[in-house]
Amino acid sequence: MAQRSVIDQVVGKVKTEASKRPIPIDPFIAEDLLLWYRTTKCNRPDDYVFATGAARAGKKRGKQPVCLSKVMSYRIQPVAKRLGIAKRIGWHTFRRTYTTLLHANGEDVKVVQELLRYGSARITMDVYAQAVTPAKRIAQGKVVATPRQTKKEEKLV
């Protein structure tokens, strides 16, 4: 269960009631987190899972979360650039991708909303979900097929 939020290394309360609900963790992710726990230097019970472990953190080592904007700038964006991704990538890019993939897999809107910890299904679908191209083609194909199907049925009568 999320007990606090961290934005730009400022620790605070979680924003909504939805954010306080238990977080389901896939067994593969749990396995990866345990592996991380076994290998990180910041593995005391009161350390952050992803803590600043740099020597310059001094006494705050393990007690201060990593700076996510630095992770994005120094790690994720350079990899995206090397892969030929020209679009600007931010943390919400991952939220949109996750939402879109869940939706494309046919997950219920309420499930998607709760996994993303939004208070409203409307925000989940209006802001974050995007239609996947094959899904768009199938939807359009159904619309195009409707008049044709009606004509076939009329000929049979």
C-alpha atoms as a PDB file:
ATOM      1  CA  MET A   1       0.000   0.000   0.000  1.00  0.00           C
ATOM      2  CA  ALA A   2       1.359   3.433  -0.945  1.00  0.00           C
ATOM      3  CA  GLN A   3       1.965   5.439   2.212  1.00  0.00           C
ATOM      4  CA  ARG A   4       3.629   8.535   0.786  1.00  0.00           C
ATOM      5  CA  SER A   5       4.426  10.204  -2.499  1.00  0.00           C
ATOM      6  CA  VAL A   6       7.677  11.650  -3.736  1.00  0.00           C
ATOM      7  CA  ILE A   7       7.773  14.443  -6.294  1.00  0.00           C
ATOM      8  CA  ASP A   8      11.142  16.011  -7.111  1.00  0.00           C
ATOM      9  CA  GLN A   9      12.557  14.400  -3.967  1.00  0.00           C
ATOM     10  CA  VAL A  10       9.927  16.076  -1.787  1.00  0.00           C
ATOM     11  CA  VAL A  11       8.123  13.514   0.339  1.00  0.00           C
ATOM     12  CA  GLY A  12       4.445  14.088   1.019  1.00  0.00           C
ATOM     13  CA  LYS A  13       1.065  12.464   1.412  1.00  0.00           C
ATOM     14  CA  VAL A  14      -0.495  10.541  -1.468  1.00  0.00           C
ATOM     15  CA  LYS A  15      -2.911  12.692  -3.486  1.00  0.00           C
ATOM     16  CA  THR A  16      -6.105  10.641  -3.531  1.00  0.00           C
ATOM     17  CA  GLU A  17      -7.962   7.862  -1.764  1.00  0.00           C
ATOM     18  CA  ALA A  18      -7.346   5.726  -4.863  1.00  0.00           C
ATOM     19  CA  SER A  19      -3.601   6.142  -4.272  1.00  0.00           C
ATOM     20  CA  LYS A  20      -3.896   4.634  -0.787  1.00  0.00           C
ATOM     21  CA  ARG A  21      -5.297   1.301  -1.981  1.00  0.00           C
ATOM     22  CA  PRO A  22      -3.117  -1.832  -2.018  1.00  0.00           C
ATOM     23  CA  ILE A  23      -0.873  -2.221  -5.060  1.00  0.00           C
ATOM     24  CA  PRO A  24      -0.961  -5.606  -6.811  1.00  0.00           C
ATOM     25  CA  ILE A  25       2.502  -6.791  -7.813  1.00  0.00           C
ATOM     26  CA  ASP A  26       3.099  -9.368 -10.523  1.00  0.00           C
ATOM     27  CA  PRO A  27       5.291 -12.281  -9.326  1.00  0.00           C
ATOM     28  CA  PHE A  28       7.970 -11.440 -11.939  1.00  0.00           C
ATOM     29  CA  ILE A  29       8.157  -7.848 -10.679  1.00  0.00           C
ATOM     30  CA  ALA A  30       8.286  -9.061  -7.076  1.00  0.00           C
ATOM     31  CA  GLU A  31      11.186 -11.330  -8.061  1.00  0.00           C
ATOM     32  CA  ASP A  32      13.024  -8.406  -9.682  1.00  0.00           C
ATOM     33  CA  LEU A  33      12.452  -6.233  -6.604  1.00  0.00           C
ATOM     34  CA  LEU A  34      13.862  -8.951  -4.343  1.00  0.00           C
ATOM     35  CA  LEU A  35      16.907  -9.250  -6.602  1.00  0.00           C
ATOM     36  CA  TRP A  36      17.343  -5.472  -6.416  1.00  0.00           C
ATOM     37  CA  TYR A  37      17.012  -5.604  -2.612  1.00  0.00           C
ATOM     38  CA  ARG A  38      19.744  -8.257  -2.439  1.00  0.00           C
ATOM     39  CA  THR A  39      22.168  -6.282  -4.633  1.00  0.00           C
ATOM     40  CA  THR A  40      21.610  -2.646  -3.631  1.00  0.00           C
ATOM     41  CA  LYS A  41      23.703  -1.022  -0.921  1.00  0.00           C
ATOM     42  CA  CYS A  42      20.570   0.684   0.409  1.00  0.00           C
ATOM     43  CA  ASN A  43      18.731  -2.329   1.787  1.00  0.00           C
ATOM     44  CA  ARG A  44      17.964  -1.432   5.372  1.00  0.00           C
ATOM     45  CA  PRO A  45      14.286  -1.644   6.396  1.00  0.00           C
ATOM     46  CA  ASP A  46      13.930   2.154   6.543  1.00  0.00           C
ATOM     47  CA  ASP A  47      15.727   2.796   3.216  1.00  0.00           C
ATOM     48  CA  TYR A  48      13.833   3.719   0.069  1.00  0.00           C
ATOM     49  CA  VAL A  49      13.566   0.943  -2.515  1.00  0.00           C
ATOM     50  CA  PHE A  50      15.200   3.232  -5.077  1.00  0.00           C
ATOM     51  CA  ALA A  51      17.353   5.419  -2.885  1.00  0.00           C
ATOM     52  CA  THR A  52      20.185   7.782  -3.531  1.00  0.00           C
ATOM     53  CA  GLY A  53      23.250   5.662  -2.927  1.00  0.00           C
ATOM     54  CA  ALA A  54      25.838   8.147  -4.113  1.00  0.00           C
ATOM     55  CA  ALA A  55      28.702   8.934  -1.763  1.00  0.00           C
ATOM     56  CA  ARG A  56      27.854  12.653  -2.001  1.00  0.00           C
ATOM     57  CA  ALA A  57      24.502  11.860  -0.317  1.00  0.00           C
ATOM     58  CA  GLY A  58      26.483  11.316   2.893  1.00  0.00           C
ATOM     59  CA  LYS A  59      24.213  10.561   5.857  1.00  0.00           C
ATOM     60  CA  LYS A  60      21.184  10.759   3.543  1.00  0.00           C
ATOM     61  CA  ARG A  61      22.361   7.696   1.600  1.00  0.00           C
ATOM     62  CA  GLY A  62      19.388   5.332   1.504  1.00  0.00           C
ATOM     63  CA  LYS A  63      17.188   7.896   3.266  1.00  0.00           C
ATOM     64  CA  GLN A  64      16.605  10.043   0.198  1.00  0.00           C
ATOM     65  CA  PRO A  65      14.809   8.786  -2.945  1.00  0.00           C
ATOM     66  CA  VAL A  66      16.572   8.956  -6.298  1.00  0.00           C
ATOM     67  CA  CYS A  67      15.864  12.068  -8.313  1.00  0.00           C
ATOM     68  CA  LEU A  68      13.530  10.793 -11.026  1.00  0.00           C
ATOM     69  CA  SER A  69      14.182  13.746 -13.322  1.00  0.00           C
ATOM     70  CA  LYS A  70      17.881  12.826 -13.277  1.00  0.00           C
ATOM     71  CA  VAL A  71      17.077   9.171 -14.029  1.00  0.00           C
ATOM     72  CA  MET A  72      14.989  10.344 -16.981  1.00  0.00           C
ATOM     73  CA  SER A  73      17.637  12.791 -18.250  1.00  0.00           C
ATOM     74  CA  TYR A  74      20.737  10.675 -17.734  1.00  0.00           C
ATOM     75  CA  ARG A  75      19.454   7.149 -18.313  1.00  0.00           C
ATOM     76  CA  ILE A  76      16.131   6.781 -20.120  1.00  0.00           C
ATOM     77  CA  GLN A  77      16.245   9.638 -22.649  1.00  0.00           C
ATOM     78  CA  PRO A  78      19.776   8.774 -23.897  1.00  0.00           C
ATOM     79  CA  VAL A  79      18.700   5.153 -24.459  1.00  0.00           C
ATOM     80  CA  ALA A  80      15.594   6.325 -26.324  1.00  0.00           C
ATOM     81  CA  LYS A  81      17.768   8.582 -28.476  1.00  0.00           C
ATOM     82  CA  ARG A  82      20.152   5.709 -29.286  1.00  0.00           C
ATOM     83  CA  LEU A  83      17.129   3.601 -30.284  1.00  0.00           C
ATOM     84  CA  GLY A  84      16.078   6.306 -32.725  1.00  0.00           C
ATOM     85  CA  ILE A  85      13.099   7.563 -30.739  1.00  0.00           C
ATOM     86  CA  ALA A  86      12.877  11.253 -31.579  1.00  0.00           C
ATOM     87  CA  LYS A  87       9.822  12.111 -29.471  1.00  0.00           C
ATOM     88  CA  ARG A  88      10.297  13.647 -26.047  1.00  0.00           C
ATOM     89  CA  ILE A  89       9.902  10.988 -23.379  1.00  0.00           C
ATOM     90  CA  GLY A  90       8.773  11.708 -19.837  1.00  0.00           C
ATOM     91  CA  TRP A  91       7.324   9.684 -16.980  1.00  0.00           C
ATOM     92  CA  HIS A  92       3.783  10.202 -18.279  1.00  0.00           C
ATOM     93  CA  THR A  93       4.881   8.501 -21.514  1.00  0.00           C
ATOM     94  CA  PHE A  94       5.095   5.265 -19.530  1.00  0.00           C
ATOM     95  CA  ARG A  95       1.674   5.849 -17.951  1.00  0.00           C
ATOM     96  CA  ARG A  96       0.125   6.434 -21.376  1.00  0.00           C
ATOM     97  CA  THR A  97       1.824   3.355 -22.815  1.00  0.00           C
ATOM     98  CA  TYR A  98       0.716   1.170 -19.898  1.00  0.00           C
ATOM     99  CA  THR A  99      -2.859   2.478 -20.156  1.00  0.00           C
ATOM    100  CA  THR A 100      -2.943   1.937 -23.912  1.00  0.00           C
ATOM    101  CA  LEU A 101      -1.572  -1.607 -23.643  1.00  0.00           C
ATOM    102  CA  LEU A 102      -4.057  -2.550 -20.922  1.00  0.00           C
ATOM    103  CA  HIS A 103      -6.905  -1.128 -22.997  1.00  0.00           C
ATOM    104  CA  ALA A 104      -5.658  -2.879 -26.177  1.00  0.00           C
ATOM    105  CA  ASN A 105      -5.559  -6.165 -24.232  1.00  0.00           C
ATOM    106  CA  GLY A 106      -9.274  -5.752 -23.542  1.00  0.00           C
ATOM    107  CA  GLU A 107      -8.989  -4.974 -19.837  1.00  0.00           C
ATOM    108  CA  ASP A 108     -12.040  -3.463 -18.179  1.00  0.00           C
ATOM    109  CA  VAL A 109     -11.899   0.320 -17.809  1.00  0.00           C
ATOM    110  CA  LYS A 110     -12.339   0.007 -14.033  1.00  0.00           C
ATOM    111  CA  VAL A 111      -9.358  -2.367 -13.812  1.00  0.00           C
ATOM    112  CA  VAL A 112      -7.227   0.045 -15.844  1.00  0.00           C
ATOM    113  CA  GLN A 113      -8.349   2.950 -13.646  1.00  0.00           C
ATOM    114  CA  GLU A 114      -7.463   1.136 -10.437  1.00  0.00           C
ATOM    115  CA  LEU A 115      -4.109  -0.153 -11.693  1.00  0.00           C
ATOM    116  CA  LEU A 116      -3.163   3.408 -12.619  1.00  0.00           C
ATOM    117  CA  ARG A 117      -4.626   4.632  -9.316  1.00  0.00           C
ATOM    118  CA  TYR A 118      -6.889   7.299 -10.778  1.00  0.00           C
ATOM    119  CA  GLY A 119     -10.000   8.522  -9.022  1.00  0.00           C
ATOM    120  CA  SER A 120     -11.945   8.656 -12.291  1.00  0.00           C
ATOM    121  CA  ALA A 121     -12.333   6.248 -15.202  1.00  0.00           C
ATOM    122  CA  ARG A 122     -13.040   9.258 -17.419  1.00  0.00           C
ATOM    123  CA  ILE A 123      -9.563  10.719 -16.815  1.00  0.00           C
ATOM    124  CA  THR A 124      -8.023   7.305 -17.381  1.00  0.00           C
ATOM    125  CA  MET A 125      -9.587   6.892 -20.799  1.00  0.00           C
ATOM    126  CA  ASP A 126      -9.755  10.522 -21.973  1.00  0.00           C
ATOM    127  CA  VAL A 127      -6.252  11.550 -21.005  1.00  0.00           C
ATOM    128  CA  TYR A 128      -4.116   8.423 -21.035  1.00  0.00           C
ATOM    129  CA  ALA A 129      -5.600   5.745 -23.291  1.00  0.00           C
ATOM    130  CA  GLN A 130      -4.877   5.841 -26.996  1.00  0.00           C
ATOM    131  CA  ALA A 131      -6.368   3.572 -29.611  1.00  0.00           C
ATOM    132  CA  VAL A 132      -3.887   1.127 -31.074  1.00  0.00           C
ATOM    133  CA  THR A 133      -3.669   1.189 -34.895  1.00  0.00           C
ATOM    134  CA  PRO A 134      -4.859  -2.439 -35.474  1.00  0.00           C
ATOM    135  CA  ALA A 135      -7.824  -1.717 -33.186  1.00  0.00           C
ATOM    136  CA  LYS A 136      -8.629   1.378 -35.237  1.00  0.00           C
ATOM    137  CA  ARG A 137      -8.518  -0.658 -38.455  1.00  0.00           C
ATOM    138  CA  ILE A 138     -10.810  -3.344 -37.033  1.00  0.00           C
ATOM    139  CA  ALA A 139     -13.288  -0.736 -35.763  1.00  0.00           C
ATOM    140  CA  GLN A 140     -13.298   1.049 -39.108  1.00  0.00           C
ATOM    141  CA  GLY A 141     -13.679  -2.265 -40.939  1.00  0.00           C
ATOM    142  CA  LYS A 142     -16.779  -3.091 -38.904  1.00  0.00           C
ATOM    143  CA  VAL A 143     -18.362   0.229 -39.822  1.00  0.00           C
ATOM    144  CA  VAL A 144     -17.510  -0.193 -43.516  1.00  0.00           C
ATOM    145  CA  ALA A 145     -18.820  -3.792 -43.504  1.00  0.00           C
ATOM    146  CA  THR A 146     -22.212  -2.871 -42.023  1.00  0.00           C
ATOM    147  CA  PRO A 147     -23.824  -1.408 -45.185  1.00  0.00           C
ATOM    148  CA  ARG A 148     -22.362  -4.229 -47.276  1.00  0.00           C
ATOM    149  CA  GLN A 149     -23.752  -6.828 -44.904  1.00  0.00           C
ATOM    150  CA  THR A 150     -27.182  -5.150 -45.102  1.00  0.00           C
ATOM    151  CA  LYS A 151     -27.081  -5.248 -48.949  1.00  0.00           C
ATOM    152  CA  LYS A 152     -26.194  -8.989 -48.892  1.00  0.00           C
ATOM    153  CA  GLU A 153     -29.090  -9.673 -46.536  1.00  0.00           C
ATOM    154  CA  GLU A 154     -31.500  -7.706 -48.790  1.00  0.00           C
ATOM    155  CA  LYS A 155     -30.442  -9.746 -51.839  1.00  0.00           C
ATOM    156  CA  LEU A 156     -31.119 -12.995 -50.006  1.00  0.00           C
ATOM    157  CA  VAL A 157     -34.713 -11.956 -49.208  1.00  0.00           C
END
